[in-house]
Amino acid sequence: MYNREEWLSVKEVATILGTTTRTVYLYIRTGRLPAQKLGASYCVRREDVKNLQRPHVGREKLQPAEWRRRSDQVMTTIRLRVREGQRACLAQQLKEIRERQRYLLPGTCEQKIVQSRDDPTEILLLFTWRTPDLPAEAERLRALVTIRNELDSVLEWEEAELFEGAVLLRT
């Protein structure tokens, strides 16, 4: 006999699993989740929901990747301001840099240009270098000077703050 406590609607199953009703219907259609059709709706036993083997997303990780276990990186940070009236020009120049894929600095694993939420005229340039691929200091400075020359008309380099340090922790 039908016991309401034992059976769930597709919507209730989706809520329990933290997924969409579309995914629940997919589980039913592929046979991964047994269900009974009642009229135009499906009912699923609560026990079957508990026993559902959900697929794992991505590959199983036996141990953290080597690059996550050690922190062999150096980060260069430059804090500066957008020149007055040059925000639109900066946006255009960054768009062009992105489209041309310029300034893919050798030895970097990450390059970011960040705008402050509190003060849109404040900009951070962030470059993360892998220590094994770290170019000599003169080569790094030459690459940064090239970027400076390209963005000199829109950023105030005179008051820029430069910081370089070893990355102590990555998560």
N, C-alpha and C. Protein backbone atom coordinates (compact mmCIF):
# COMPACT_ATOMS: atom_id res chain seq x y z
N MET A 1 0.84 -1.18 0.00
CA MET A 1 0.00 0.00 0.00
C MET A 1 0.89 1.25 0.00
N TYR A 2 0.40 2.32 -0.53
CA TYR A 2 1.12 3.58 -0.65
C TYR A 2 1.25 4.26 0.71
N ASN A 3 2.47 4.49 1.14
CA ASN A 3 2.75 5.19 2.38
C ASN A 3 3.46 6.50 2.03
N ARG A 4 2.84 7.63 2.29
CA ARG A 4 3.36 8.94 1.91
C ARG A 4 4.75 9.18 2.49
N GLU A 5 5.04 8.66 3.64
CA GLU A 5 6.34 8.85 4.27
C GLU A 5 7.44 8.13 3.51
N GLU A 6 7.08 7.07 2.79
CA GLU A 6 8.06 6.24 2.11
C GLU A 6 8.36 6.74 0.69
N TRP A 7 7.43 7.47 0.09
CA TRP A 7 7.55 7.91 -1.29
C TRP A 7 7.75 9.42 -1.39
N LEU A 8 8.52 9.83 -2.40
CA LEU A 8 8.83 11.24 -2.61
C LEU A 8 8.51 11.65 -4.04
N SER A 9 8.17 12.91 -4.22
CA SER A 9 7.98 13.45 -5.58
C SER A 9 9.35 13.75 -6.18
N VAL A 10 9.38 13.96 -7.47
CA VAL A 10 10.63 14.31 -8.15
C VAL A 10 11.19 15.61 -7.58
N LYS A 11 10.34 16.56 -7.31
CA LYS A 11 10.79 17.84 -6.74
C LYS A 11 11.41 17.64 -5.36
N GLU A 12 10.80 16.78 -4.53
CA GLU A 12 11.36 16.50 -3.21
C GLU A 12 12.71 15.81 -3.32
N VAL A 13 12.83 14.89 -4.28
CA VAL A 13 14.12 14.19 -4.49
C VAL A 13 15.18 15.21 -4.90
N ALA A 14 14.84 16.12 -5.80
CA ALA A 14 15.80 17.14 -6.25
C ALA A 14 16.27 17.99 -5.08
N THR A 15 15.34 18.34 -4.20
CA THR A 15 15.70 19.14 -3.02
C THR A 15 16.65 18.38 -2.11
N ILE A 16 16.35 17.11 -1.87
CA ILE A 16 17.20 16.28 -1.00
C ILE A 16 18.60 16.13 -1.59
N LEU A 17 18.68 15.91 -2.91
CA LEU A 17 19.97 15.70 -3.56
C LEU A 17 20.71 17.01 -3.85
N GLY A 18 20.00 18.12 -3.73
CA GLY A 18 20.63 19.40 -4.04
C GLY A 18 20.89 19.55 -5.53
N THR A 19 19.96 19.06 -6.34
CA THR A 19 20.11 19.11 -7.78
C THR A 19 18.81 19.61 -8.40
N THR A 20 18.69 19.50 -9.70
CA THR A 20 17.49 19.96 -10.38
C THR A 20 16.55 18.79 -10.65
N THR A 21 15.30 19.10 -10.92
CA THR A 21 14.35 18.04 -11.28
C THR A 21 14.77 17.41 -12.60
N ARG A 22 15.37 18.17 -13.46
CA ARG A 22 15.85 17.63 -14.75
C ARG A 22 16.86 16.51 -14.52
N THR A 23 17.78 16.70 -13.57
CA THR A 23 18.76 15.67 -13.25
C THR A 23 18.08 14.44 -12.67
N VAL A 24 17.07 14.64 -11.82
CA VAL A 24 16.34 13.51 -11.23
C VAL A 24 15.65 12.72 -12.34
N TYR A 25 15.02 13.41 -13.28
CA TYR A 25 14.39 12.71 -14.42
C TYR A 25 15.43 11.94 -15.23
N LEU A 26 16.63 12.49 -15.37
CA LEU A 26 17.70 11.79 -16.08
C LEU A 26 18.07 10.51 -15.34
N TYR A 27 18.20 10.59 -14.01
CA TYR A 27 18.50 9.40 -13.21
C TYR A 27 17.41 8.34 -13.38
N ILE A 28 16.16 8.78 -13.41
CA ILE A 28 15.03 7.84 -13.58
C ILE A 28 15.08 7.23 -14.98
N ARG A 29 15.25 8.06 -15.99
CA ARG A 29 15.25 7.58 -17.38
C ARG A 29 16.38 6.59 -17.64
N THR A 30 17.56 6.81 -17.04
CA THR A 30 18.71 5.93 -17.27
C THR A 30 18.71 4.73 -16.34
N GLY A 31 17.72 4.64 -15.44
CA GLY A 31 17.62 3.48 -14.55
C GLY A 31 18.48 3.55 -13.31
N ARG A 32 19.15 4.67 -13.09
CA ARG A 32 20.00 4.80 -11.89
C ARG A 32 19.17 5.03 -10.64
N LEU A 33 17.94 5.53 -10.84
CA LEU A 33 17.05 5.78 -9.70
C LEU A 33 15.70 5.14 -10.02
N PRO A 34 15.36 4.05 -9.32
CA PRO A 34 14.08 3.40 -9.56
C PRO A 34 12.93 4.33 -9.18
N ALA A 35 11.84 4.29 -9.98
CA ALA A 35 10.69 5.15 -9.73
C ALA A 35 9.43 4.46 -10.23
N GLN A 36 8.29 4.86 -9.69
CA GLN A 36 6.99 4.37 -10.12
C GLN A 36 6.24 5.54 -10.75
N LYS A 37 5.65 5.27 -11.89
CA LYS A 37 4.87 6.30 -12.56
C LYS A 37 3.45 6.25 -12.03
N LEU A 38 2.96 7.36 -11.53
CA LEU A 38 1.58 7.48 -11.06
C LEU A 38 0.91 8.58 -11.87
N GLY A 39 0.14 8.18 -12.86
CA GLY A 39 -0.48 9.17 -13.74
C GLY A 39 0.61 9.84 -14.57
N ALA A 40 0.70 11.15 -14.48
CA ALA A 40 1.70 11.89 -15.23
C ALA A 40 2.96 12.16 -14.40
N SER A 41 2.98 11.71 -13.14
CA SER A 41 4.10 12.00 -12.24
C SER A 41 4.84 10.72 -11.87
N TYR A 42 6.04 10.93 -11.34
CA TYR A 42 6.84 9.82 -10.83
C TYR A 42 6.92 9.94 -9.32
N CYS A 43 7.00 8.78 -8.66
CA CYS A 43 7.25 8.72 -7.22
C CYS A 43 8.48 7.86 -7.01
N VAL A 44 9.30 8.26 -6.06
CA VAL A 44 10.56 7.58 -5.78
C VAL A 44 10.58 7.19 -4.31
N ARG A 45 11.01 5.99 -4.04
CA ARG A 45 11.10 5.56 -2.64
C ARG A 45 12.25 6.30 -1.95
N ARG A 46 11.99 6.73 -0.73
CA ARG A 46 12.99 7.43 0.07
C ARG A 46 14.27 6.59 0.20
N GLU A 47 14.11 5.30 0.38
CA GLU A 47 15.24 4.38 0.52
C GLU A 47 16.10 4.37 -0.74
N ASP A 48 15.47 4.45 -1.93
CA ASP A 48 16.22 4.46 -3.19
C ASP A 48 17.03 5.75 -3.33
N VAL A 49 16.49 6.84 -2.83
CA VAL A 49 17.24 8.11 -2.86
C VAL A 49 18.47 7.99 -1.97
N LYS A 50 18.31 7.40 -0.80
CA LYS A 50 19.46 7.23 0.12
C LYS A 50 20.54 6.35 -0.49
N ASN A 51 20.12 5.36 -1.29
CA ASN A 51 21.07 4.40 -1.87
C ASN A 51 21.63 4.84 -3.22
N LEU A 52 21.19 5.96 -3.73
CA LEU A 52 21.63 6.41 -5.05
C LEU A 52 23.13 6.66 -5.05
N GLN A 53 23.81 6.08 -6.01
CA GLN A 53 25.24 6.30 -6.19
C GLN A 53 25.41 7.44 -7.19
N ARG A 54 25.74 8.60 -6.69
CA ARG A 54 25.89 9.76 -7.59
C ARG A 54 27.26 9.75 -8.23
N PRO A 55 27.34 10.23 -9.46
CA PRO A 55 28.63 10.23 -10.16
C PRO A 55 29.60 11.22 -9.51
N HIS A 56 30.87 10.88 -9.55
CA HIS A 56 31.91 11.79 -9.07
C HIS A 56 32.24 12.76 -10.19
N VAL A 57 32.42 14.01 -9.85
CA VAL A 57 32.79 15.01 -10.83
C VAL A 57 34.31 15.06 -10.88
N GLY A 58 34.87 15.00 -12.07
CA GLY A 58 36.33 15.05 -12.23
C GLY A 58 36.95 13.70 -11.91
N ARG A 59 38.26 13.68 -11.91
CA ARG A 59 38.94 12.42 -11.64
C ARG A 59 39.25 12.30 -10.15
N GLU A 60 39.38 11.08 -9.71
CA GLU A 60 39.69 10.85 -8.30
C GLU A 60 41.14 11.24 -8.04
N LYS A 61 41.34 11.97 -6.98
CA LYS A 61 42.68 12.42 -6.63
C LYS A 61 43.21 11.58 -5.47
N LEU A 62 44.28 10.86 -5.72
CA LEU A 62 44.87 10.03 -4.70
C LEU A 62 45.72 10.85 -3.74
N GLN A 63 46.34 11.89 -4.28
CA GLN A 63 47.14 12.80 -3.46
C GLN A 63 47.15 14.15 -4.16
N PRO A 64 47.44 15.20 -3.44
CA PRO A 64 47.46 16.52 -4.09
C PRO A 64 48.50 16.55 -5.21
N ALA A 65 48.20 17.34 -6.24
CA ALA A 65 49.15 17.51 -7.34
C ALA A 65 50.46 18.07 -6.80
N GLU A 66 51.54 17.74 -7.47
CA GLU A 66 52.87 18.16 -7.02
C GLU A 66 52.94 19.69 -6.85
N TRP A 67 52.33 20.42 -7.79
CA TRP A 67 52.41 21.88 -7.71
C TRP A 67 51.64 22.42 -6.52
N ARG A 68 50.70 21.63 -5.95
CA ARG A 68 49.97 22.08 -4.76
C ARG A 68 50.72 21.76 -3.48
N ARG A 69 51.60 20.77 -3.53
CA ARG A 69 52.31 20.35 -2.31
C ARG A 69 53.46 21.28 -1.97
N ARG A 70 54.04 21.89 -2.96
CA ARG A 70 55.17 22.78 -2.67
C ARG A 70 54.86 24.17 -3.22
N SER A 71 55.40 25.13 -2.58
CA SER A 71 55.17 26.49 -3.02
C SER A 71 56.49 27.06 -3.51
N ASP A 72 56.76 26.82 -4.76
CA ASP A 72 58.01 27.31 -5.34
C ASP A 72 57.70 28.43 -6.32
N GLN A 73 57.09 29.45 -5.77
CA GLN A 73 56.69 30.57 -6.62
C GLN A 73 57.14 31.89 -6.01
N VAL A 74 57.30 32.86 -6.89
CA VAL A 74 57.61 34.23 -6.50
C VAL A 74 56.50 35.10 -7.08
N MET A 75 56.04 36.06 -6.31
CA MET A 75 54.98 36.94 -6.79
C MET A 75 55.49 38.37 -6.83
N THR A 76 55.22 39.03 -7.95
CA THR A 76 55.53 40.45 -8.10
C THR A 76 54.20 41.19 -8.10
N THR A 77 54.09 42.20 -7.24
CA THR A 77 52.87 43.00 -7.15
C THR A 77 53.26 44.46 -7.35
N ILE A 78 52.51 45.12 -8.22
CA ILE A 78 52.72 46.55 -8.44
C ILE A 78 51.38 47.25 -8.21
N ARG A 79 51.37 48.18 -7.26
CA ARG A 79 50.15 48.95 -6.96
C ARG A 79 50.34 50.35 -7.54
N LEU A 80 49.34 50.77 -8.34
CA LEU A 80 49.41 52.10 -8.94
C LEU A 80 48.01 52.62 -9.21
N ARG A 81 47.94 53.81 -9.76
CA ARG A 81 46.65 54.47 -10.02
C ARG A 81 46.48 54.75 -11.50
N VAL A 82 45.21 54.81 -11.90
CA VAL A 82 44.86 55.20 -13.26
C VAL A 82 44.97 56.72 -13.34
N ARG A 83 45.56 57.20 -14.41
CA ARG A 83 45.66 58.65 -14.60
C ARG A 83 44.25 59.23 -14.74
N GLU A 84 44.09 60.46 -14.25
CA GLU A 84 42.77 61.10 -14.28
C GLU A 84 42.22 61.14 -15.70
N GLY A 85 40.97 60.71 -15.83
CA GLY A 85 40.29 60.72 -17.12
C GLY A 85 40.72 59.62 -18.08
N GLN A 86 41.50 58.65 -17.61
CA GLN A 86 42.03 57.62 -18.50
C GLN A 86 41.45 56.22 -18.29
N ARG A 87 40.37 56.11 -17.49
CA ARG A 87 39.81 54.78 -17.22
C ARG A 87 39.31 54.10 -18.49
N ALA A 88 38.64 54.84 -19.36
CA ALA A 88 38.13 54.25 -20.61
C ALA A 88 39.29 53.83 -21.51
N CYS A 89 40.34 54.65 -21.56
CA CYS A 89 41.51 54.30 -22.38
C CYS A 89 42.20 53.05 -21.83
N LEU A 90 42.27 52.94 -20.50
CA LEU A 90 42.86 51.75 -19.89
C LEU A 90 42.06 50.51 -20.29
N ALA A 91 40.75 50.60 -20.19
CA ALA A 91 39.90 49.46 -20.56
C ALA A 91 40.15 49.06 -22.00
N GLN A 92 40.27 50.03 -22.89
CA GLN A 92 40.52 49.74 -24.31
C GLN A 92 41.88 49.09 -24.51
N GLN A 93 42.90 49.61 -23.84
CA GLN A 93 44.24 49.05 -23.99
C GLN A 93 44.30 47.62 -23.44
N LEU A 94 43.62 47.36 -22.33
CA LEU A 94 43.61 46.00 -21.77
C LEU A 94 42.89 45.04 -22.71
N LYS A 95 41.84 45.52 -23.35
CA LYS A 95 41.11 44.70 -24.32
C LYS A 95 42.04 44.32 -25.47
N GLU A 96 42.79 45.29 -25.97
CA GLU A 96 43.73 45.02 -27.07
C GLU A 96 44.82 44.05 -26.64
N ILE A 97 45.34 44.23 -25.43
CA ILE A 97 46.37 43.32 -24.91
C ILE A 97 45.83 41.90 -24.84
N ARG A 98 44.61 41.76 -24.34
CA ARG A 98 43.99 40.44 -24.23
C ARG A 98 43.80 39.82 -25.60
N GLU A 99 43.28 40.59 -26.55
CA GLU A 99 43.02 40.08 -27.90
C GLU A 99 44.30 39.66 -28.61
N ARG A 100 45.36 40.41 -28.42
CA ARG A 100 46.64 40.10 -29.08
C ARG A 100 47.48 39.12 -28.27
N GLN A 101 47.01 38.78 -27.06
CA GLN A 101 47.74 37.90 -26.13
C GLN A 101 49.17 38.39 -25.92
N ARG A 102 49.27 39.68 -25.70
CA ARG A 102 50.59 40.27 -25.45
C ARG A 102 50.94 40.09 -23.99
N TYR A 103 52.19 40.18 -23.71
CA TYR A 103 52.72 40.11 -22.35
C TYR A 103 52.45 38.78 -21.68
N LEU A 104 52.58 37.71 -22.43
CA LEU A 104 52.59 36.40 -21.81
C LEU A 104 54.02 36.22 -21.33
N LEU A 105 54.27 36.68 -20.13
CA LEU A 105 55.63 36.76 -19.62
C LEU A 105 56.22 35.38 -19.42
N PRO A 106 57.40 35.12 -19.95
CA PRO A 106 58.03 33.81 -19.78
C PRO A 106 58.27 33.51 -18.30
N GLY A 107 57.91 32.31 -17.90
CA GLY A 107 58.13 31.89 -16.52
C GLY A 107 56.98 32.18 -15.59
N THR A 108 55.97 32.92 -16.06
CA THR A 108 54.82 33.20 -15.19
C THR A 108 53.78 32.11 -15.35
N CYS A 109 53.10 31.81 -14.25
CA CYS A 109 51.98 30.87 -14.31
C CYS A 109 50.67 31.62 -14.11
N GLU A 110 50.77 32.89 -13.79
CA GLU A 110 49.56 33.68 -13.58
C GLU A 110 49.91 35.16 -13.75
N GLN A 111 49.04 35.86 -14.48
CA GLN A 111 49.18 37.30 -14.66
C GLN A 111 47.81 37.92 -14.49
N LYS A 112 47.70 38.89 -13.61
CA LYS A 112 46.41 39.52 -13.38
C LYS A 112 46.57 41.02 -13.28
N ILE A 113 45.55 41.72 -13.75
CA ILE A 113 45.43 43.16 -13.53
C ILE A 113 44.10 43.33 -12.81
N VAL A 114 44.16 43.85 -11.58
CA VAL A 114 43.00 43.89 -10.70
C VAL A 114 42.65 45.34 -10.40
N GLN A 115 41.35 45.64 -10.45
CA GLN A 115 40.86 46.97 -10.12
C GLN A 115 40.18 46.91 -8.76
N SER A 116 40.48 47.84 -7.89
CA SER A 116 39.88 47.89 -6.56
C SER A 116 38.38 48.14 -6.67
N ARG A 117 37.62 47.43 -5.84
CA ARG A 117 36.18 47.68 -5.78
C ARG A 117 35.88 48.99 -5.07
N ASP A 118 36.69 49.32 -4.08
CA ASP A 118 36.47 50.53 -3.29
C ASP A 118 36.89 51.80 -4.04
N ASP A 119 37.99 51.68 -4.79
CA ASP A 119 38.53 52.84 -5.50
C ASP A 119 38.90 52.40 -6.92
N PRO A 120 38.04 52.64 -7.90
CA PRO A 120 38.29 52.17 -9.26
C PRO A 120 39.54 52.74 -9.92
N THR A 121 40.15 53.75 -9.30
CA THR A 121 41.39 54.27 -9.88
C THR A 121 42.61 53.52 -9.37
N GLU A 122 42.41 52.62 -8.39
CA GLU A 122 43.53 51.84 -7.85
C GLU A 122 43.63 50.52 -8.59
N ILE A 123 44.83 50.22 -9.08
CA ILE A 123 45.08 49.03 -9.90
C ILE A 123 46.23 48.23 -9.28
N LEU A 124 46.10 46.91 -9.33
CA LEU A 124 47.19 46.01 -8.93
C LEU A 124 47.59 45.18 -10.14
N LEU A 125 48.86 45.11 -10.41
CA LEU A 125 49.40 44.19 -11.40
C LEU A 125 50.01 43.04 -10.60
N LEU A 126 49.56 41.82 -10.87
CA LEU A 126 50.03 40.65 -10.13
C LEU A 126 50.66 39.66 -11.10
N PHE A 127 51.88 39.28 -10.84
CA PHE A 127 52.58 38.30 -11.67
C PHE A 127 53.12 37.21 -10.77
N THR A 128 52.75 35.98 -11.05
CA THR A 128 53.24 34.85 -10.27
C THR A 128 54.21 34.07 -11.15
N TRP A 129 55.42 33.91 -10.63
CA TRP A 129 56.48 33.24 -11.38
C TRP A 129 56.77 31.88 -10.74
N ARG A 130 56.93 30.85 -11.54
CA ARG A 130 57.36 29.54 -11.03
C ARG A 130 58.87 29.61 -10.83
N THR A 131 59.33 29.23 -9.65
CA THR A 131 60.75 29.32 -9.34
C THR A 131 61.63 28.55 -10.33
N PRO A 132 61.24 27.32 -10.72
CA PRO A 132 62.12 26.61 -11.67
C PRO A 132 62.26 27.33 -13.01
N ASP A 133 61.24 28.10 -13.39
CA ASP A 133 61.26 28.81 -14.68
C ASP A 133 61.54 30.30 -14.50
N LEU A 134 61.90 30.71 -13.30
CA LEU A 134 62.07 32.13 -13.00
C LEU A 134 63.22 32.72 -13.82
N PRO A 135 62.90 33.69 -14.68
CA PRO A 135 63.98 34.34 -15.45
C PRO A 135 64.87 35.15 -14.52
N ALA A 136 66.02 35.50 -15.00
CA ALA A 136 66.94 36.34 -14.23
C ALA A 136 66.25 37.67 -13.94
N GLU A 137 66.68 38.32 -12.87
CA GLU A 137 66.05 39.57 -12.45
C GLU A 137 66.06 40.62 -13.56
N ALA A 138 67.15 40.70 -14.29
CA ALA A 138 67.25 41.69 -15.38
C ALA A 138 66.19 41.41 -16.46
N GLU A 139 65.96 40.15 -16.76
CA GLU A 139 64.96 39.79 -17.77
C GLU A 139 63.55 40.09 -17.28
N ARG A 140 63.30 39.82 -15.99
CA ARG A 140 61.98 40.14 -15.40
C ARG A 140 61.74 41.64 -15.44
N LEU A 141 62.74 42.42 -15.06
CA LEU A 141 62.60 43.88 -15.06
C LEU A 141 62.39 44.41 -16.48
N ARG A 142 63.08 43.82 -17.46
CA ARG A 142 62.91 44.23 -18.85
C ARG A 142 61.46 44.00 -19.30
N ALA A 143 60.89 42.85 -18.91
CA ALA A 143 59.50 42.54 -19.27
C ALA A 143 58.54 43.53 -18.60
N LEU A 144 58.81 43.87 -17.34
CA LEU A 144 57.95 44.82 -16.63
C LEU A 144 58.07 46.22 -17.21
N VAL A 145 59.26 46.60 -17.66
CA VAL A 145 59.45 47.91 -18.29
C VAL A 145 58.67 47.97 -19.60
N THR A 146 58.61 46.88 -20.33
CA THR A 146 57.84 46.83 -21.58
C THR A 146 56.37 47.09 -21.29
N ILE A 147 55.86 46.45 -20.23
CA ILE A 147 54.46 46.68 -19.84
C ILE A 147 54.26 48.13 -19.41
N ARG A 148 55.23 48.64 -18.65
CA ARG A 148 55.13 50.03 -18.20
C ARG A 148 55.07 50.98 -19.39
N ASN A 149 55.92 50.78 -20.36
CA ASN A 149 55.93 51.65 -21.53
C ASN A 149 54.60 51.60 -22.28
N GLU A 150 54.01 50.43 -22.37
CA GLU A 150 52.73 50.27 -23.08
C GLU A 150 51.60 50.99 -22.35
N LEU A 151 51.62 50.96 -21.01
CA LEU A 151 50.51 51.51 -20.22
C LEU A 151 50.85 52.85 -19.56
N ASP A 152 51.98 53.44 -19.94
CA ASP A 152 52.44 54.68 -19.30
C ASP A 152 51.45 55.83 -19.45
N SER A 153 50.74 55.90 -20.55
CA SER A 153 49.84 57.02 -20.78
C SER A 153 48.57 56.93 -19.92
N VAL A 154 48.26 55.76 -19.39
CA VAL A 154 47.01 55.60 -18.63
C VAL A 154 47.23 55.29 -17.14
N LEU A 155 48.44 54.88 -16.77
CA LEU A 155 48.72 54.56 -15.36
C LEU A 155 49.81 55.46 -14.82
N GLU A 156 49.68 55.83 -13.53
CA GLU A 156 50.67 56.70 -12.87
C GLU A 156 51.79 55.85 -12.28
N TRP A 157 52.85 55.68 -13.02
CA TRP A 157 53.96 54.85 -12.60
C TRP A 157 54.88 55.57 -11.62
N GLU A 158 54.80 56.90 -11.57
CA GLU A 158 55.70 57.67 -10.71
C GLU A 158 55.52 57.30 -9.23
N GLU A 159 54.31 57.00 -8.81
CA GLU A 159 54.02 56.68 -7.41
C GLU A 159 53.79 55.18 -7.19
N ALA A 160 54.14 54.36 -8.16
CA ALA A 160 53.89 52.92 -8.07
C ALA A 160 54.65 52.29 -6.92
N GLU A 161 54.00 51.31 -6.28
CA GLU A 161 54.64 50.55 -5.20
C GLU A 161 54.90 49.14 -5.71
N LEU A 162 56.15 48.71 -5.64
CA LEU A 162 56.55 47.39 -6.11
C LEU A 162 56.85 46.50 -4.92
N PHE A 163 56.32 45.29 -4.96
CA PHE A 163 56.61 44.30 -3.92
C PHE A 163 56.89 42.98 -4.61
N GLU A 164 57.93 42.31 -4.16
CA GLU A 164 58.22 40.98 -4.69
C GLU A 164 58.55 40.08 -3.52
N GLY A 165 57.96 38.89 -3.51
CA GLY A 165 58.21 37.98 -2.41
C GLY A 165 57.90 36.55 -2.77
N ALA A 166 58.38 35.66 -1.92
CA ALA A 166 58.13 34.23 -2.10
C ALA A 166 56.73 33.88 -1.62
N VAL A 167 56.06 33.03 -2.36
CA VAL A 167 54.73 32.56 -1.97
C VAL A 167 54.93 31.52 -0.87
N LEU A 168 54.33 31.76 0.28
CA LEU A 168 54.51 30.86 1.43
C LEU A 168 53.45 29.77 1.50
N LEU A 169 52.24 30.08 1.00
CA LEU A 169 51.15 29.12 1.09
C LEU A 169 50.23 29.26 -0.10
N ARG A 170 49.88 28.13 -0.69
CA ARG A 170 48.89 28.07 -1.78
C ARG A 170 47.85 27.03 -1.38
N THR A 171 46.60 27.35 -1.59
CA THR A 171 45.55 26.38 -1.27
C THR A 171 44.71 26.11 -2.48
